[in-house]
Amino acid sequence: MFRRTFWFTTGVAAGVWATTKVNRKLKQLTPESLAATATNKAIEAGHRLKDRAVGFALDVRDNMAQREEELGDALGLNAPVDQELPAPRRYAAIENRSNPKYVDRTTYSYNRNEDH
């Protein structure tokens, strides 16, 4: 008698367990549940992608700053600056009118339409 009760109880417990598992799986396979799962996975993937992109951007910025410093050293831009100012330029008091930059251009006509 105890043997039959034991096996009956074991069968009932196995049936309840199996029914619970099947119902959970069926609830997971409903369209609403599948959509929620897909949404959650997409959000997680977006967060992971954003974290990687931010990390990549920070790496690029660090490497860019390092390279700019290397180039500045190579070109002498980071060298200490002399505190002395250069000597002031001196201009001639009398203009040299024979210099080509002082040629009077009003006598020359550069009208493109003149020959047509």
C-alpha atoms as a PDB file:
ATOM      1  CA  MET A   1       0.000   0.000   0.000  1.00  0.00           C
ATOM      2  CA  PHE A   2       2.788   2.437   0.807  1.00  0.00           C
ATOM      3  CA  ARG A   3       4.470   1.436  -2.387  1.00  0.00           C
ATOM      4  CA  ARG A   4       1.441   2.351  -4.451  1.00  0.00           C
ATOM      5  CA  THR A   5       1.067   5.651  -2.607  1.00  0.00           C
ATOM      6  CA  PHE A   6       4.722   6.454  -3.182  1.00  0.00           C
ATOM      7  CA  TRP A   7       4.515   5.808  -6.913  1.00  0.00           C
ATOM      8  CA  PHE A   8       1.201   7.637  -7.200  1.00  0.00           C
ATOM      9  CA  THR A   9       2.677  10.683  -5.454  1.00  0.00           C
ATOM     10  CA  THR A  10       5.797  10.490  -7.612  1.00  0.00           C
ATOM     11  CA  GLY A  11       3.660  10.384 -10.762  1.00  0.00           C
ATOM     12  CA  VAL A  12       1.534  13.329  -9.644  1.00  0.00           C
ATOM     13  CA  ALA A  13       4.661  15.344  -8.809  1.00  0.00           C
ATOM     14  CA  ALA A  14       6.219  14.485 -12.196  1.00  0.00           C
ATOM     15  CA  GLY A  15       2.992  15.468 -13.969  1.00  0.00           C
ATOM     16  CA  VAL A  16       2.789  18.806 -12.151  1.00  0.00           C
ATOM     17  CA  TRP A  17       6.457  19.498 -12.855  1.00  0.00           C
ATOM     18  CA  ALA A  18       6.089  18.632 -16.574  1.00  0.00           C
ATOM     19  CA  THR A  19       2.888  20.677 -16.908  1.00  0.00           C
ATOM     20  CA  THR A  20       4.570  23.689 -15.276  1.00  0.00           C
ATOM     21  CA  LYS A  21       7.590  23.397 -17.593  1.00  0.00           C
ATOM     22  CA  VAL A  22       5.416  23.125 -20.700  1.00  0.00           C
ATOM     23  CA  ASN A  23       3.246  26.102 -19.673  1.00  0.00           C
ATOM     24  CA  ARG A  24       6.342  28.245 -19.034  1.00  0.00           C
ATOM     25  CA  LYS A  25       7.762  27.318 -22.421  1.00  0.00           C
ATOM     26  CA  LEU A  26       4.453  28.098 -24.139  1.00  0.00           C
ATOM     27  CA  LYS A  27       4.354  31.519 -22.436  1.00  0.00           C
ATOM     28  CA  GLN A  28       7.901  32.185 -23.653  1.00  0.00           C
ATOM     29  CA  LEU A  29       6.851  31.399 -27.222  1.00  0.00           C
ATOM     30  CA  THR A  30       3.928  33.830 -27.377  1.00  0.00           C
ATOM     31  CA  PRO A  31       4.407  36.746 -29.813  1.00  0.00           C
ATOM     32  CA  GLU A  32       4.407  39.321 -26.995  1.00  0.00           C
ATOM     33  CA  SER A  33       7.056  37.420 -25.059  1.00  0.00           C
ATOM     34  CA  LEU A  34       9.197  36.913 -28.162  1.00  0.00           C
ATOM     35  CA  ALA A  35       8.953  40.624 -28.974  1.00  0.00           C
ATOM     36  CA  ALA A  36       9.931  41.578 -25.420  1.00  0.00           C
ATOM     37  CA  THR A  37      12.878  39.190 -25.497  1.00  0.00           C
ATOM     38  CA  ALA A  38      14.043  40.530 -28.863  1.00  0.00           C
ATOM     39  CA  THR A  39      13.714  44.105 -27.595  1.00  0.00           C
ATOM     40  CA  ASN A  40      15.728  43.353 -24.465  1.00  0.00           C
ATOM     41  CA  LYS A  41      18.463  41.661 -26.475  1.00  0.00           C
ATOM     42  CA  ALA A  42      18.587  44.582 -28.917  1.00  0.00           C
ATOM     43  CA  ILE A  43      18.892  47.061 -26.047  1.00  0.00           C
ATOM     44  CA  GLU A  44      21.696  45.012 -24.472  1.00  0.00           C
ATOM     45  CA  ALA A  45      23.493  44.832 -27.824  1.00  0.00           C
ATOM     46  CA  GLY A  46      23.082  48.591 -28.248  1.00  0.00           C
ATOM     47  CA  HIS A  47      24.604  49.222 -24.817  1.00  0.00           C
ATOM     48  CA  ARG A  48      27.531  46.928 -25.571  1.00  0.00           C
ATOM     49  CA  LEU A  49      28.078  48.632 -28.936  1.00  0.00           C
ATOM     50  CA  LYS A  50      27.895  52.087 -27.352  1.00  0.00           C
ATOM     51  CA  ASP A  51      30.422  51.102 -24.681  1.00  0.00           C
ATOM     52  CA  ARG A  52      32.801  49.790 -27.331  1.00  0.00           C
ATOM     53  CA  ALA A  53      32.344  52.902 -29.485  1.00  0.00           C
ATOM     54  CA  VAL A  54      33.020  55.187 -26.523  1.00  0.00           C
ATOM     55  CA  GLY A  55      36.115  53.165 -25.665  1.00  0.00           C
ATOM     56  CA  PHE A  56      37.273  53.341 -29.271  1.00  0.00           C
ATOM     57  CA  ALA A  57      36.692  57.109 -29.413  1.00  0.00           C
ATOM     58  CA  LEU A  58      38.700  57.602 -26.213  1.00  0.00           C
ATOM     59  CA  ASP A  59      41.538  55.481 -27.595  1.00  0.00           C
ATOM     60  CA  VAL A  60      41.536  57.482 -30.827  1.00  0.00           C
ATOM     61  CA  ARG A  61      41.563  60.768 -28.900  1.00  0.00           C
ATOM     62  CA  ASP A  62      44.473  59.617 -26.696  1.00  0.00           C
ATOM     63  CA  ASN A  63      46.480  58.399 -29.677  1.00  0.00           C
ATOM     64  CA  MET A  64      45.710  61.609 -31.584  1.00  0.00           C
ATOM     65  CA  ALA A  65      46.987  63.748 -28.701  1.00  0.00           C
ATOM     66  CA  GLN A  66      50.110  61.611 -28.439  1.00  0.00           C
ATOM     67  CA  ARG A  67      50.766  61.886 -32.183  1.00  0.00           C
ATOM     68  CA  GLU A  68      50.218  65.661 -32.153  1.00  0.00           C
ATOM     69  CA  GLU A  69      52.767  65.940 -29.362  1.00  0.00           C
ATOM     70  CA  GLU A  70      55.252  63.824 -31.348  1.00  0.00           C
ATOM     71  CA  LEU A  71      54.733  65.989 -34.430  1.00  0.00           C
ATOM     72  CA  GLY A  72      55.057  69.163 -32.380  1.00  0.00           C
ATOM     73  CA  ASP A  73      58.369  67.918 -30.985  1.00  0.00           C
ATOM     74  CA  ALA A  74      59.582  66.897 -34.447  1.00  0.00           C
ATOM     75  CA  LEU A  75      58.670  70.274 -35.955  1.00  0.00           C
ATOM     76  CA  GLY A  76      59.978  72.254 -33.006  1.00  0.00           C
ATOM     77  CA  LEU A  77      56.595  73.694 -32.103  1.00  0.00           C
ATOM     78  CA  ASN A  78      56.952  72.591 -28.490  1.00  0.00           C
ATOM     79  CA  ALA A  79      60.393  74.188 -28.104  1.00  0.00           C
ATOM     80  CA  PRO A  80      60.739  76.996 -25.564  1.00  0.00           C
ATOM     81  CA  VAL A  81      60.079  80.423 -27.030  1.00  0.00           C
ATOM     82  CA  ASP A  82      62.703  83.170 -26.735  1.00  0.00           C
ATOM     83  CA  GLN A  83      61.383  86.069 -24.745  1.00  0.00           C
ATOM     84  CA  GLU A  84      63.253  88.630 -26.878  1.00  0.00           C
ATOM     85  CA  LEU A  85      61.281  90.349 -29.560  1.00  0.00           C
ATOM     86  CA  PRO A  86      62.811  90.678 -33.017  1.00  0.00           C
ATOM     87  CA  ALA A  87      64.334  94.013 -33.921  1.00  0.00           C
ATOM     88  CA  PRO A  88      61.794  96.461 -35.374  1.00  0.00           C
ATOM     89  CA  ARG A  89      61.783  96.850 -39.118  1.00  0.00           C
ATOM     90  CA  ARG A  90      63.166 100.047 -40.468  1.00  0.00           C
ATOM     91  CA  TYR A  91      61.502 101.669 -43.413  1.00  0.00           C
ATOM     92  CA  ALA A  92      63.239 103.967 -45.813  1.00  0.00           C
ATOM     93  CA  ALA A  93      62.315 107.611 -45.444  1.00  0.00           C
ATOM     94  CA  ILE A  94      62.541 108.135 -49.195  1.00  0.00           C
ATOM     95  CA  GLU A  95      60.636 105.769 -51.459  1.00  0.00           C
ATOM     96  CA  ASN A  96      62.514 104.168 -54.286  1.00  0.00           C
ATOM     97  CA  ARG A  97      60.276 104.953 -57.264  1.00  0.00           C
ATOM     98  CA  SER A  98      62.365 102.835 -59.631  1.00  0.00           C
ATOM     99  CA  ASN A  99      61.160  99.723 -57.774  1.00  0.00           C
ATOM    100  CA  PRO A 100      58.614  97.797 -59.947  1.00  0.00           C
ATOM    101  CA  LYS A 101      56.025  97.793 -57.177  1.00  0.00           C
ATOM    102  CA  TYR A 102      55.735 101.581 -57.514  1.00  0.00           C
ATOM    103  CA  VAL A 103      55.129 101.596 -61.282  1.00  0.00           C
ATOM    104  CA  ASP A 104      52.180 103.756 -62.156  1.00  0.00           C
ATOM    105  CA  ARG A 105      49.631 101.328 -63.537  1.00  0.00           C
ATOM    106  CA  THR A 106      47.105 103.932 -64.541  1.00  0.00           C
ATOM    107  CA  THR A 107      48.792 104.415 -67.918  1.00  0.00           C
ATOM    108  CA  TYR A 108      48.348 100.758 -68.851  1.00  0.00           C
ATOM    109  CA  SER A 109      45.003  99.581 -70.042  1.00  0.00           C
ATOM    110  CA  TYR A 110      44.058  96.025 -69.192  1.00  0.00           C
ATOM    111  CA  ASN A 111      40.537  96.067 -70.546  1.00  0.00           C
ATOM    112  CA  ARG A 112      39.874  92.628 -71.934  1.00  0.00           C
ATOM    113  CA  ASN A 113      37.061  93.881 -74.126  1.00  0.00           C
ATOM    114  CA  GLU A 114      39.161  96.562 -75.763  1.00  0.00           C
ATOM    115  CA  ASP A 115      40.412  94.382 -78.630  1.00  0.00           C
ATOM    116  CA  HIS A 116      37.059  92.974 -79.628  1.00  0.00           C
END
